[in-house]
C-alpha atoms as a PDB file:
ATOM      1  CA  MET A   1     -20.752  -8.728  85.694  1.00  0.00           C
ATOM      2  CA  ALA A   2     -23.588  -8.612  88.237  1.00  0.00           C
ATOM      3  CA  ALA A   3     -21.617 -10.888  90.564  1.00  0.00           C
ATOM      4  CA  ILE A   4     -18.655  -8.512  90.455  1.00  0.00           C
ATOM      5  CA  GLN A   5     -20.852  -5.504  91.197  1.00  0.00           C
ATOM      6  CA  ARG A   6     -22.543  -7.345  94.069  1.00  0.00           C
ATOM      7  CA  ALA A   7     -19.215  -8.456  95.571  1.00  0.00           C
ATOM      8  CA  LEU A   8     -17.863  -4.900  95.388  1.00  0.00           C
ATOM      9  CA  ARG A   9     -21.020  -3.518  96.988  1.00  0.00           C
ATOM     10  CA  GLU A  10     -21.009  -6.131  99.766  1.00  0.00           C
ATOM     11  CA  SER A  11     -17.344  -5.420 100.506  1.00  0.00           C
ATOM     12  CA  ASN A  12     -17.909  -1.632 100.494  1.00  0.00           C
ATOM     13  CA  GLY A  13     -15.620  -1.219  97.509  1.00  0.00           C
ATOM     14  CA  ASN A  14     -12.767  -3.237  99.021  1.00  0.00           C
ATOM     15  CA  ARG A  15     -11.404  -5.004  95.958  1.00  0.00           C
ATOM     16  CA  THR A  16      -9.315  -7.496  97.919  1.00  0.00           C
ATOM     17  CA  LEU A  17     -12.365  -8.698  99.837  1.00  0.00           C
ATOM     18  CA  ALA A  18     -14.466  -8.712  96.667  1.00  0.00           C
ATOM     19  CA  ALA A  19     -11.901 -10.930  94.935  1.00  0.00           C
ATOM     20  CA  ARG A  20     -11.952 -13.327  97.894  1.00  0.00           C
ATOM     21  CA  LYS A  21     -15.762 -13.459  97.822  1.00  0.00           C
ATOM     22  CA  LEU A  22     -15.635 -14.280  94.114  1.00  0.00           C
ATOM     23  CA  GLY A  23     -12.857 -16.835  94.562  1.00  0.00           C
ATOM     24  CA  ILE A  24     -10.561 -15.145  92.037  1.00  0.00           C
ATOM     25  CA  HIS A  25      -7.169 -13.484  92.189  1.00  0.00           C
ATOM     26  CA  LEU A  26      -7.057  -9.744  92.754  1.00  0.00           C
ATOM     27  CA  ALA A  27      -5.358  -9.218  89.387  1.00  0.00           C
ATOM     28  CA  SER A  28      -8.218 -11.052  87.684  1.00  0.00           C
ATOM     29  CA  LEU A  29     -10.715  -8.792  89.412  1.00  0.00           C
ATOM     30  CA  TYR A  30      -8.844  -5.688  88.241  1.00  0.00           C
ATOM     31  CA  ARG A  31      -8.882  -7.013  84.653  1.00  0.00           C
ATOM     32  CA  LYS A  32     -12.611  -7.697  84.819  1.00  0.00           C
ATOM     33  CA  ILE A  33     -13.284  -4.246  86.294  1.00  0.00           C
ATOM     34  CA  ALA A  34     -11.367  -2.672  83.410  1.00  0.00           C
ATOM     35  CA  LYS A  35     -13.016  -4.926  80.820  1.00  0.00           C
ATOM     36  CA  TYR A  36     -16.546  -4.074  81.956  1.00  0.00           C
ATOM     37  CA  LYS A  37     -15.658  -0.448  82.823  1.00  0.00           C
ATOM     38  CA  LEU A  38     -16.808  -0.777  86.434  1.00  0.00           C
ATOM     39  CA  THR A  39     -15.778   1.596  89.187  1.00  0.00           C
END
C-alpha cells in the first residue's frame, strides 16, 4: 500500500504514470486503489 501511495505522490496523482512506476497494468492499479480505499 505504501508503494502505491508513493507512486501516486511522485506522479502527482497521474494514475497511468503511477502504474508504470509500479510495473503493473492500469486496471490493476485501479483495483488496488479501490481495495485499499485510496484517493
